[in-house]
N, C-alpha and C. Protein backbone atom coordinates (compact mmCIF):
# COMPACT_ATOMS: atom_id res chain seq x y z
N UNK A 1 -131.56 -138.95 47.19
CA UNK A 1 -130.99 -138.40 48.40
C UNK A 1 -131.98 -137.44 49.07
N UNK A 2 -132.75 -136.71 48.28
CA UNK A 2 -133.72 -135.74 48.82
C UNK A 2 -134.81 -136.44 49.61
N UNK A 3 -135.29 -137.60 49.16
CA UNK A 3 -136.34 -138.34 49.86
C UNK A 3 -135.83 -138.83 51.21
N UNK A 4 -134.58 -139.22 51.30
CA UNK A 4 -133.99 -139.67 52.55
C UNK A 4 -133.93 -138.53 53.56
N UNK A 5 -133.58 -137.34 53.15
CA UNK A 5 -133.52 -136.17 54.03
C UNK A 5 -134.92 -135.80 54.51
N UNK A 6 -135.90 -135.85 53.66
CA UNK A 6 -137.28 -135.55 54.06
C UNK A 6 -137.78 -136.54 55.09
N UNK A 7 -137.43 -137.79 54.94
CA UNK A 7 -137.84 -138.83 55.89
C UNK A 7 -137.21 -138.58 57.26
N UNK A 8 -135.95 -138.21 57.31
CA UNK A 8 -135.25 -137.93 58.57
C UNK A 8 -135.87 -136.72 59.26
N UNK A 9 -136.18 -135.68 58.51
CA UNK A 9 -136.82 -134.49 59.08
C UNK A 9 -138.20 -134.84 59.63
N UNK A 10 -138.97 -135.64 58.91
CA UNK A 10 -140.31 -136.04 59.37
C UNK A 10 -140.22 -136.85 60.66
N UNK A 11 -139.25 -137.76 60.76
CA UNK A 11 -139.07 -138.55 61.97
C UNK A 11 -138.65 -137.66 63.14
N UNK A 12 -137.76 -136.71 62.90
CA UNK A 12 -137.31 -135.80 63.96
C UNK A 12 -138.46 -134.94 64.47
N UNK A 13 -139.29 -134.44 63.59
CA UNK A 13 -140.45 -133.63 63.98
C UNK A 13 -141.44 -134.48 64.78
N UNK A 14 -141.67 -135.70 64.36
CA UNK A 14 -142.59 -136.59 65.07
C UNK A 14 -142.08 -136.91 66.47
N UNK A 15 -140.80 -137.21 66.60
CA UNK A 15 -140.22 -137.51 67.91
C UNK A 15 -140.31 -136.29 68.82
N UNK A 16 -140.03 -135.10 68.31
CA UNK A 16 -140.12 -133.87 69.10
C UNK A 16 -141.55 -133.61 69.54
N UNK A 17 -142.52 -133.83 68.67
CA UNK A 17 -143.92 -133.61 69.01
C UNK A 17 -144.40 -134.59 70.08
N UNK A 18 -143.99 -135.83 69.98
CA UNK A 18 -144.38 -136.83 70.98
C UNK A 18 -143.74 -136.50 72.32
N UNK A 19 -142.47 -136.12 72.32
CA UNK A 19 -141.79 -135.78 73.58
C UNK A 19 -142.42 -134.55 74.23
N UNK A 20 -142.78 -133.56 73.45
CA UNK A 20 -143.41 -132.35 74.00
C UNK A 20 -144.82 -132.64 74.49
N UNK A 21 -145.51 -133.55 73.85
CA UNK A 21 -146.88 -133.88 74.25
C UNK A 21 -146.97 -134.73 75.50
N UNK A 22 -145.87 -135.32 75.93
CA UNK A 22 -145.88 -136.20 77.10
C UNK A 22 -145.40 -135.51 78.36
N UNK A 23 -145.28 -134.20 78.36
CA UNK A 23 -144.82 -133.48 79.54
C UNK A 23 -145.87 -132.48 79.97
N UNK A 24 -145.83 -132.15 81.24
CA UNK A 24 -146.75 -131.14 81.77
C UNK A 24 -146.13 -130.50 82.99
N UNK A 25 -146.74 -129.44 83.46
CA UNK A 25 -146.27 -128.79 84.67
C UNK A 25 -146.95 -129.43 85.87
N UNK A 26 -146.38 -129.22 87.04
CA UNK A 26 -146.98 -129.75 88.26
C UNK A 26 -148.26 -129.00 88.56
N UNK A 27 -149.25 -129.72 89.04
CA UNK A 27 -150.53 -129.11 89.39
C UNK A 27 -150.98 -129.65 90.73
N UNK A 28 -151.47 -128.77 91.58
CA UNK A 28 -152.01 -129.19 92.89
C UNK A 28 -153.40 -129.73 92.69
N UNK A 29 -153.67 -130.90 93.25
CA UNK A 29 -154.98 -131.54 93.12
C UNK A 29 -155.96 -130.96 94.14
N UNK A 30 -155.55 -130.89 95.38
CA UNK A 30 -156.42 -130.39 96.44
C UNK A 30 -156.06 -128.96 96.83
N UNK A 31 -156.67 -128.46 97.91
CA UNK A 31 -156.35 -127.11 98.36
C UNK A 31 -154.94 -127.02 98.96
N UNK A 32 -154.41 -125.82 98.99
CA UNK A 32 -153.10 -125.57 99.57
C UNK A 32 -153.15 -125.87 101.07
N UNK A 33 -152.21 -126.66 101.60
CA UNK A 33 -152.25 -126.94 103.04
C UNK A 33 -151.89 -125.69 103.84
N UNK A 34 -152.35 -125.60 105.09
CA UNK A 34 -152.03 -124.43 105.91
C UNK A 34 -150.53 -124.39 106.23
N UNK A 35 -150.08 -123.23 106.72
CA UNK A 35 -148.65 -123.06 107.05
C UNK A 35 -148.19 -124.08 108.09
N UNK A 36 -148.97 -124.22 109.16
CA UNK A 36 -148.62 -125.17 110.21
C UNK A 36 -149.70 -126.24 110.26
N UNK A 37 -149.28 -127.48 110.18
CA UNK A 37 -150.25 -128.57 110.23
C UNK A 37 -149.62 -129.79 110.89
N UNK A 38 -150.47 -130.70 111.30
CA UNK A 38 -150.05 -131.93 111.93
C UNK A 38 -150.33 -133.09 110.97
N UNK A 39 -149.31 -133.93 110.76
CA UNK A 39 -149.50 -135.10 109.90
C UNK A 39 -150.15 -136.21 110.71
N UNK A 40 -151.22 -136.79 110.14
CA UNK A 40 -151.97 -137.83 110.82
C UNK A 40 -151.53 -139.22 110.35
N UNK A 41 -151.50 -139.43 109.07
CA UNK A 41 -151.11 -140.73 108.53
C UNK A 41 -151.39 -140.81 107.04
N UNK A 42 -151.05 -141.93 106.42
CA UNK A 42 -151.24 -142.06 104.97
C UNK A 42 -152.72 -142.22 104.60
N UNK A 43 -153.04 -141.76 103.42
CA UNK A 43 -154.39 -141.92 102.89
C UNK A 43 -154.29 -142.18 101.39
N UNK A 44 -155.29 -142.88 100.86
CA UNK A 44 -155.25 -143.28 99.44
C UNK A 44 -156.67 -143.32 98.90
N UNK A 45 -156.83 -142.87 97.67
CA UNK A 45 -158.12 -142.93 97.01
C UNK A 45 -157.96 -143.31 95.56
N UNK A 46 -158.98 -143.96 94.99
CA UNK A 46 -158.92 -144.40 93.60
C UNK A 46 -160.27 -144.17 92.94
N UNK A 47 -160.25 -143.79 91.67
CA UNK A 47 -161.48 -143.63 90.89
C UNK A 47 -161.18 -143.97 89.44
N UNK A 48 -162.19 -144.47 88.75
CA UNK A 48 -162.02 -144.90 87.36
C UNK A 48 -163.11 -144.32 86.47
N UNK A 49 -162.83 -144.26 85.19
CA UNK A 49 -163.80 -143.85 84.19
C UNK A 49 -163.63 -144.74 82.96
N UNK A 50 -164.64 -144.80 82.14
CA UNK A 50 -164.63 -145.69 80.98
C UNK A 50 -164.85 -144.91 79.70
N UNK A 51 -164.01 -145.16 78.71
CA UNK A 51 -164.25 -144.70 77.35
C UNK A 51 -164.99 -145.84 76.65
N UNK A 52 -166.31 -145.76 76.63
CA UNK A 52 -167.13 -146.82 76.07
C UNK A 52 -166.90 -146.89 74.56
N UNK A 53 -166.55 -148.04 74.09
CA UNK A 53 -166.24 -148.28 72.68
C UNK A 53 -165.13 -147.36 72.17
N UNK A 54 -164.34 -146.79 73.09
CA UNK A 54 -163.23 -145.92 72.73
C UNK A 54 -163.62 -144.50 72.37
N UNK A 55 -164.92 -144.16 72.40
CA UNK A 55 -165.33 -142.81 71.98
C UNK A 55 -166.28 -142.11 72.94
N UNK A 56 -167.01 -142.83 73.78
CA UNK A 56 -167.99 -142.22 74.68
C UNK A 56 -167.40 -142.17 76.09
N UNK A 57 -167.01 -140.97 76.58
CA UNK A 57 -166.41 -140.88 77.92
C UNK A 57 -167.47 -140.96 79.02
N UNK A 58 -167.26 -141.85 79.97
CA UNK A 58 -168.16 -141.99 81.11
C UNK A 58 -167.31 -141.85 82.38
N UNK A 59 -167.34 -140.68 82.99
CA UNK A 59 -166.60 -140.44 84.22
C UNK A 59 -165.10 -140.34 84.05
N UNK A 60 -164.62 -140.14 82.84
CA UNK A 60 -163.18 -140.11 82.58
C UNK A 60 -162.56 -138.78 83.05
N UNK A 61 -163.20 -137.67 82.74
CA UNK A 61 -162.62 -136.37 83.03
C UNK A 61 -162.57 -136.03 84.51
N UNK A 62 -163.41 -136.63 85.32
CA UNK A 62 -163.46 -136.28 86.74
C UNK A 62 -162.77 -137.32 87.63
N UNK A 63 -162.04 -138.25 87.06
CA UNK A 63 -161.50 -139.35 87.86
C UNK A 63 -160.46 -138.89 88.88
N UNK A 64 -159.64 -137.89 88.58
CA UNK A 64 -158.65 -137.42 89.54
C UNK A 64 -159.33 -136.72 90.71
N UNK A 65 -160.33 -135.90 90.42
CA UNK A 65 -161.07 -135.22 91.49
C UNK A 65 -161.78 -136.24 92.38
N UNK A 66 -162.37 -137.26 91.77
CA UNK A 66 -163.05 -138.29 92.56
C UNK A 66 -162.07 -139.12 93.38
N UNK A 67 -160.87 -139.35 92.85
CA UNK A 67 -159.85 -140.09 93.60
C UNK A 67 -159.39 -139.27 94.81
N UNK A 68 -159.23 -137.96 94.63
CA UNK A 68 -158.85 -137.10 95.75
C UNK A 68 -159.97 -137.09 96.80
N UNK A 69 -161.22 -136.97 96.35
CA UNK A 69 -162.35 -136.98 97.29
C UNK A 69 -162.42 -138.31 98.04
N UNK A 70 -162.09 -139.40 97.37
CA UNK A 70 -162.08 -140.70 98.02
C UNK A 70 -160.98 -140.78 99.08
N UNK A 71 -159.82 -140.20 98.79
CA UNK A 71 -158.72 -140.18 99.77
C UNK A 71 -159.10 -139.33 100.98
N UNK A 72 -159.77 -138.20 100.73
CA UNK A 72 -160.21 -137.34 101.83
C UNK A 72 -161.25 -138.06 102.67
N UNK A 73 -162.19 -138.73 102.02
CA UNK A 73 -163.23 -139.47 102.73
C UNK A 73 -162.62 -140.61 103.55
N UNK A 74 -161.64 -141.27 102.97
CA UNK A 74 -160.96 -142.37 103.66
C UNK A 74 -160.24 -141.86 104.90
N UNK A 75 -159.61 -140.67 104.79
CA UNK A 75 -158.87 -140.11 105.91
C UNK A 75 -159.76 -139.54 106.99
N UNK A 76 -160.77 -138.79 106.61
CA UNK A 76 -161.72 -138.26 107.57
C UNK A 76 -161.46 -136.85 108.05
N UNK A 77 -160.25 -136.30 107.85
CA UNK A 77 -159.97 -134.95 108.36
C UNK A 77 -160.31 -133.86 107.35
N UNK A 78 -160.44 -134.19 106.10
CA UNK A 78 -160.81 -133.20 105.09
C UNK A 78 -159.66 -132.64 104.29
N UNK A 79 -158.40 -132.92 104.67
CA UNK A 79 -157.25 -132.42 103.92
C UNK A 79 -156.23 -133.54 103.69
N UNK A 80 -155.73 -133.59 102.49
CA UNK A 80 -154.68 -134.54 102.13
C UNK A 80 -153.56 -133.75 101.47
N UNK A 81 -152.34 -133.89 101.97
CA UNK A 81 -151.18 -133.31 101.31
C UNK A 81 -150.73 -134.34 100.28
N UNK A 82 -151.09 -134.09 99.03
CA UNK A 82 -150.88 -135.07 97.97
C UNK A 82 -149.40 -135.23 97.64
N UNK A 83 -148.95 -136.46 97.66
CA UNK A 83 -147.55 -136.77 97.35
C UNK A 83 -147.40 -137.50 96.03
N UNK A 84 -148.42 -138.27 95.65
CA UNK A 84 -148.28 -139.11 94.46
C UNK A 84 -149.63 -139.28 93.77
N UNK A 85 -149.60 -139.10 92.47
CA UNK A 85 -150.78 -139.39 91.66
C UNK A 85 -150.35 -140.35 90.56
N UNK A 86 -151.09 -141.44 90.43
CA UNK A 86 -150.77 -142.47 89.44
C UNK A 86 -151.96 -142.66 88.52
N UNK A 87 -151.71 -142.79 87.24
CA UNK A 87 -152.74 -143.09 86.25
C UNK A 87 -152.43 -144.46 85.66
N UNK A 88 -153.45 -145.25 85.45
CA UNK A 88 -153.28 -146.53 84.76
C UNK A 88 -154.54 -146.83 83.98
N UNK A 89 -154.44 -147.73 83.06
CA UNK A 89 -155.59 -148.08 82.22
C UNK A 89 -155.52 -149.54 81.83
N UNK A 90 -156.69 -150.06 81.46
CA UNK A 90 -156.80 -151.43 81.00
C UNK A 90 -157.86 -151.45 79.89
N UNK A 91 -157.76 -152.38 78.99
CA UNK A 91 -158.71 -152.43 77.87
C UNK A 91 -159.63 -153.64 78.04
N UNK A 92 -160.84 -153.41 78.60
CA UNK A 92 -161.82 -154.49 78.60
C UNK A 92 -162.44 -154.59 77.20
N UNK A 93 -163.38 -155.48 77.02
CA UNK A 93 -163.95 -155.70 75.69
C UNK A 93 -164.78 -154.53 75.18
N UNK A 94 -165.27 -153.66 76.07
CA UNK A 94 -166.20 -152.61 75.65
C UNK A 94 -165.57 -151.22 75.56
N UNK A 95 -164.29 -151.07 75.79
CA UNK A 95 -163.66 -149.75 75.73
C UNK A 95 -162.35 -149.73 76.48
N UNK A 96 -162.00 -148.55 77.01
CA UNK A 96 -160.76 -148.37 77.75
C UNK A 96 -161.12 -147.86 79.15
N UNK A 97 -160.68 -148.57 80.17
CA UNK A 97 -160.93 -148.19 81.56
C UNK A 97 -159.72 -147.41 82.05
N UNK A 98 -159.91 -146.11 82.36
CA UNK A 98 -158.85 -145.25 82.88
C UNK A 98 -159.05 -145.09 84.37
N UNK A 99 -157.99 -145.25 85.16
CA UNK A 99 -158.09 -145.11 86.61
C UNK A 99 -157.02 -144.15 87.13
N UNK A 100 -157.35 -143.44 88.20
CA UNK A 100 -156.42 -142.53 88.87
C UNK A 100 -156.33 -142.94 90.33
N UNK A 101 -155.12 -142.92 90.86
CA UNK A 101 -154.88 -143.21 92.26
C UNK A 101 -154.17 -142.00 92.87
N UNK A 102 -154.71 -141.48 93.98
CA UNK A 102 -154.11 -140.35 94.68
C UNK A 102 -153.66 -140.85 96.04
N UNK A 103 -152.38 -140.65 96.34
CA UNK A 103 -151.83 -141.05 97.62
C UNK A 103 -151.20 -139.83 98.28
N UNK A 104 -151.35 -139.73 99.57
CA UNK A 104 -150.77 -138.61 100.29
C UNK A 104 -150.84 -138.81 101.78
N UNK A 105 -150.57 -137.73 102.50
CA UNK A 105 -150.57 -137.76 103.95
C UNK A 105 -151.78 -136.97 104.45
N UNK A 106 -152.54 -137.59 105.31
CA UNK A 106 -153.68 -136.92 105.92
C UNK A 106 -153.15 -135.89 106.90
N UNK A 107 -153.66 -134.66 106.82
CA UNK A 107 -153.18 -133.58 107.69
C UNK A 107 -154.34 -132.92 108.41
N UNK A 108 -154.01 -132.25 109.51
CA UNK A 108 -155.02 -131.51 110.27
C UNK A 108 -154.46 -130.14 110.61
């Protein structure tokens, strides 16, 4: 009976740790927009990085910043009010390709 209780406690601790590890607070990607601004239209940017062989990061840590810069460059005004950030990944033969997509409204 004691082994069964230990197993249940271990599973409960594991589930709690996984649930706590999958949450975060909201974070602003770009600068704070001004008090009064004009909405121009939608803008979108994407950037990817590769974990070569699953251990060597190549451009992985800066992918969100590069996606935001791509959205700003695509828009042309220099400011994006970010509404959505999406992360996705795929496993090619040489590692893990992580990509970030930033979508928002171009503002002036």
